[in-house]
Amino acid sequence: LLTADPGDLARRIRNAGAVFLGAGAAEVLGDYGTGPNHVLPTGGHARLAGGLSALSFLRVRTWIRIDDPAAATELYRDAAAFARMEGLEAHARAGEARTRWTVDGQGPGTLKTTREKNQDRGFF
């Protein structure tokens, strides 16, 4: 953006793979010198993603751990309610079933792994 105040105009841009602000930010630097590159979204895809970067090659993982039995019970009840609102009855029942055990495994209805169940049945 080669204007007197490129920052003002830039604030109005919603979708762009790269924006070059001012006379010193030539596009050639975006390709070869300042970090961005020439692999930019086309066909309207800038509304979803920016240009290719090292982050494009990373896999995002979500890790969840809950060690507080009371918090877990409350979360499972909420999850069951949301699942039921969405018409996913099996998910709702799964959430409700999880309220009947504790994280430390000492509560009523303690969950067992498939291996433990099979051991109880004499398969191992």
C-alpha atoms as a PDB file:
ATOM      1  CA  LEU A   1       0.000   0.000   0.000  1.00  0.00           C
ATOM      2  CA  LEU A   2       1.769   3.073  -1.246  1.00  0.00           C
ATOM      3  CA  THR A   3      -0.245   5.828   0.425  1.00  0.00           C
ATOM      4  CA  ALA A   4       0.473   8.667   2.847  1.00  0.00           C
ATOM      5  CA  ASP A   5      -0.857   6.532   5.735  1.00  0.00           C
ATOM      6  CA  PRO A   6      -0.732   2.842   4.753  1.00  0.00           C
ATOM      7  CA  GLY A   7      -1.578   1.771   8.303  1.00  0.00           C
ATOM      8  CA  ASP A   8      -4.936   3.520   8.109  1.00  0.00           C
ATOM      9  CA  LEU A   9      -5.838   1.704   4.908  1.00  0.00           C
ATOM     10  CA  ALA A  10      -4.427  -1.594   6.197  1.00  0.00           C
ATOM     11  CA  ARG A  11      -6.849  -1.553   9.131  1.00  0.00           C
ATOM     12  CA  ARG A  12      -9.705  -1.855   6.644  1.00  0.00           C
ATOM     13  CA  ILE A  13      -8.313  -4.944   4.907  1.00  0.00           C
ATOM     14  CA  ARG A  14     -10.016  -8.109   6.104  1.00  0.00           C
ATOM     15  CA  ASN A  15      -8.637 -10.833   3.842  1.00  0.00           C
ATOM     16  CA  ALA A  16      -5.126 -10.863   2.414  1.00  0.00           C
ATOM     17  CA  GLY A  17      -2.293 -13.350   2.220  1.00  0.00           C
ATOM     18  CA  ALA A  18       0.279 -10.559   2.607  1.00  0.00           C
ATOM     19  CA  VAL A  19       0.069  -6.770   2.801  1.00  0.00           C
ATOM     20  CA  PHE A  20       3.071  -4.590   1.960  1.00  0.00           C
ATOM     21  CA  LEU A  21       2.915  -1.259   3.779  1.00  0.00           C
ATOM     22  CA  GLY A  22       4.724   1.828   2.502  1.00  0.00           C
ATOM     23  CA  ALA A  23       7.435   2.543  -0.051  1.00  0.00           C
ATOM     24  CA  GLY A  24      10.049   0.448   1.776  1.00  0.00           C
ATOM     25  CA  ALA A  25       7.999  -2.738   1.760  1.00  0.00           C
ATOM     26  CA  ALA A  26       8.406  -3.846  -1.827  1.00  0.00           C
ATOM     27  CA  GLU A  27       6.805  -7.147  -2.801  1.00  0.00           C
ATOM     28  CA  VAL A  28      10.196  -8.589  -3.747  1.00  0.00           C
ATOM     29  CA  LEU A  29      11.146  -8.477  -0.053  1.00  0.00           C
ATOM     30  CA  GLY A  30       8.070 -10.509   0.779  1.00  0.00           C
ATOM     31  CA  ASP A  31       9.205 -13.160  -1.665  1.00  0.00           C
ATOM     32  CA  TYR A  32      12.882 -13.239  -0.845  1.00  0.00           C
ATOM     33  CA  GLY A  33      13.931 -11.193   2.130  1.00  0.00           C
ATOM     34  CA  THR A  34      11.623 -10.533   5.065  1.00  0.00           C
ATOM     35  CA  GLY A  35      10.041 -13.869   5.906  1.00  0.00           C
ATOM     36  CA  PRO A  36       6.797 -14.169   3.972  1.00  0.00           C
ATOM     37  CA  ASN A  37       7.044 -15.932   0.668  1.00  0.00           C
ATOM     38  CA  HIS A  38       5.454 -16.060  -2.746  1.00  0.00           C
ATOM     39  CA  VAL A  39       3.073 -18.907  -1.844  1.00  0.00           C
ATOM     40  CA  LEU A  40      -0.039 -16.907  -1.016  1.00  0.00           C
ATOM     41  CA  PRO A  41      -3.720 -17.878  -0.965  1.00  0.00           C
ATOM     42  CA  THR A  42      -5.776 -17.259  -4.083  1.00  0.00           C
ATOM     43  CA  GLY A  43      -9.400 -17.657  -5.047  1.00  0.00           C
ATOM     44  CA  GLY A  44     -10.726 -16.084  -1.850  1.00  0.00           C
ATOM     45  CA  HIS A  45      -8.839 -18.442   0.462  1.00  0.00           C
ATOM     46  CA  ALA A  46      -7.193 -15.523   2.299  1.00  0.00           C
ATOM     47  CA  ARG A  47     -10.376 -15.300   4.349  1.00  0.00           C
ATOM     48  CA  LEU A  48      -9.331 -18.626   5.940  1.00  0.00           C
ATOM     49  CA  ALA A  49      -5.529 -18.667   5.894  1.00  0.00           C
ATOM     50  CA  GLY A  50      -2.436 -16.595   5.251  1.00  0.00           C
ATOM     51  CA  GLY A  51       0.602 -17.426   3.180  1.00  0.00           C
ATOM     52  CA  LEU A  52       2.661 -20.584   3.447  1.00  0.00           C
ATOM     53  CA  SER A  53       4.928 -20.594   6.501  1.00  0.00           C
ATOM     54  CA  ALA A  54       6.722 -23.010   8.800  1.00  0.00           C
ATOM     55  CA  LEU A  55       3.433 -23.253  10.706  1.00  0.00           C
ATOM     56  CA  SER A  56       1.837 -24.784   7.606  1.00  0.00           C
ATOM     57  CA  PHE A  57       3.874 -27.913   8.266  1.00  0.00           C
ATOM     58  CA  LEU A  58       3.087 -28.292  11.945  1.00  0.00           C
ATOM     59  CA  ARG A  59       0.372 -30.563  13.254  1.00  0.00           C
ATOM     60  CA  VAL A  60      -1.721 -29.109  16.038  1.00  0.00           C
ATOM     61  CA  ARG A  61      -2.604 -31.491  18.842  1.00  0.00           C
ATOM     62  CA  THR A  62      -5.084 -30.930  21.632  1.00  0.00           C
ATOM     63  CA  TRP A  63      -4.230 -32.423  25.017  1.00  0.00           C
ATOM     64  CA  ILE A  64      -6.860 -32.744  27.726  1.00  0.00           C
ATOM     65  CA  ARG A  65      -6.213 -33.843  31.297  1.00  0.00           C
ATOM     66  CA  ILE A  66      -8.589 -33.446  34.222  1.00  0.00           C
ATOM     67  CA  ASP A  67      -7.483 -34.729  37.617  1.00  0.00           C
ATOM     68  CA  ASP A  68     -10.165 -33.133  39.780  1.00  0.00           C
ATOM     69  CA  PRO A  69     -13.104 -35.583  40.171  1.00  0.00           C
ATOM     70  CA  ALA A  70     -15.603 -32.855  41.092  1.00  0.00           C
ATOM     71  CA  ALA A  71     -14.619 -30.733  38.103  1.00  0.00           C
ATOM     72  CA  ALA A  72     -14.755 -33.769  35.829  1.00  0.00           C
ATOM     73  CA  THR A  73     -18.250 -34.659  37.028  1.00  0.00           C
ATOM     74  CA  GLU A  74     -19.502 -31.127  36.402  1.00  0.00           C
ATOM     75  CA  LEU A  75     -17.947 -31.039  32.935  1.00  0.00           C
ATOM     76  CA  TYR A  76     -19.448 -34.411  32.012  1.00  0.00           C
ATOM     77  CA  ARG A  77     -22.905 -33.242  33.080  1.00  0.00           C
ATOM     78  CA  ASP A  78     -22.536 -30.113  30.955  1.00  0.00           C
ATOM     79  CA  ALA A  79     -21.259 -32.131  28.001  1.00  0.00           C
ATOM     80  CA  ALA A  80     -24.200 -34.521  28.315  1.00  0.00           C
ATOM     81  CA  ALA A  81     -26.631 -31.597  28.314  1.00  0.00           C
ATOM     82  CA  PHE A  82     -25.054 -30.089  25.184  1.00  0.00           C
ATOM     83  CA  ALA A  83     -25.025 -33.464  23.442  1.00  0.00           C
ATOM     84  CA  ARG A  84     -28.699 -33.955  24.217  1.00  0.00           C
ATOM     85  CA  MET A  85     -29.531 -30.472  22.882  1.00  0.00           C
ATOM     86  CA  GLU A  86     -27.833 -31.466  19.634  1.00  0.00           C
ATOM     87  CA  GLY A  87     -29.842 -34.682  19.487  1.00  0.00           C
ATOM     88  CA  LEU A  88     -26.809 -36.895  20.134  1.00  0.00           C
ATOM     89  CA  GLU A  89     -28.325 -39.200  22.728  1.00  0.00           C
ATOM     90  CA  ALA A  90     -25.467 -41.730  22.760  1.00  0.00           C
ATOM     91  CA  HIS A  91     -22.977 -38.947  23.510  1.00  0.00           C
ATOM     92  CA  ALA A  92     -25.265 -37.654  26.261  1.00  0.00           C
ATOM     93  CA  ARG A  93     -25.466 -41.090  27.851  1.00  0.00           C
ATOM     94  CA  ALA A  94     -21.697 -41.512  27.601  1.00  0.00           C
ATOM     95  CA  GLY A  95     -21.237 -38.221  29.453  1.00  0.00           C
ATOM     96  CA  GLU A  96     -23.737 -39.242  32.108  1.00  0.00           C
ATOM     97  CA  ALA A  97     -22.015 -42.609  32.546  1.00  0.00           C
ATOM     98  CA  ARG A  98     -18.747 -40.808  33.231  1.00  0.00           C
ATOM     99  CA  THR A  99     -20.327 -38.970  36.182  1.00  0.00           C
ATOM    100  CA  ARG A 100     -20.523 -42.298  38.010  1.00  0.00           C
ATOM    101  CA  TRP A 101     -16.774 -42.765  38.454  1.00  0.00           C
ATOM    102  CA  THR A 102     -13.931 -40.785  39.905  1.00  0.00           C
ATOM    103  CA  VAL A 103     -10.658 -39.848  38.272  1.00  0.00           C
ATOM    104  CA  ASP A 104      -8.679 -41.753  40.911  1.00  0.00           C
ATOM    105  CA  GLY A 105     -10.617 -44.922  40.029  1.00  0.00           C
ATOM    106  CA  GLN A 106     -11.995 -45.315  43.558  1.00  0.00           C
ATOM    107  CA  GLY A 107     -15.558 -44.193  42.972  1.00  0.00           C
ATOM    108  CA  PRO A 108     -18.638 -46.282  42.281  1.00  0.00           C
ATOM    109  CA  GLY A 109     -18.803 -47.693  38.787  1.00  0.00           C
ATOM    110  CA  THR A 110     -15.044 -47.418  38.334  1.00  0.00           C
ATOM    111  CA  LEU A 111     -14.239 -47.630  34.645  1.00  0.00           C
ATOM    112  CA  LYS A 112     -12.081 -50.488  33.486  1.00  0.00           C
ATOM    113  CA  THR A 113     -10.022 -50.767  30.361  1.00  0.00           C
ATOM    114  CA  THR A 114     -10.994 -53.342  27.761  1.00  0.00           C
ATOM    115  CA  ARG A 115      -7.949 -55.376  28.819  1.00  0.00           C
ATOM    116  CA  GLU A 116      -9.107 -55.365  32.463  1.00  0.00           C
ATOM    117  CA  LYS A 117     -12.603 -56.441  31.432  1.00  0.00           C
ATOM    118  CA  ASN A 118     -11.177 -59.265  29.343  1.00  0.00           C
ATOM    119  CA  GLN A 119      -8.976 -60.358  32.252  1.00  0.00           C
ATOM    120  CA  ASP A 120     -12.074 -60.485  34.465  1.00  0.00           C
ATOM    121  CA  ARG A 121     -13.697 -62.715  31.846  1.00  0.00           C
ATOM    122  CA  GLY A 122     -10.678 -65.022  31.873  1.00  0.00           C
ATOM    123  CA  PHE A 123      -9.463 -64.194  28.357  1.00  0.00           C
ATOM    124  CA  PHE A 124      -5.899 -63.451  29.539  1.00  0.00           C
END
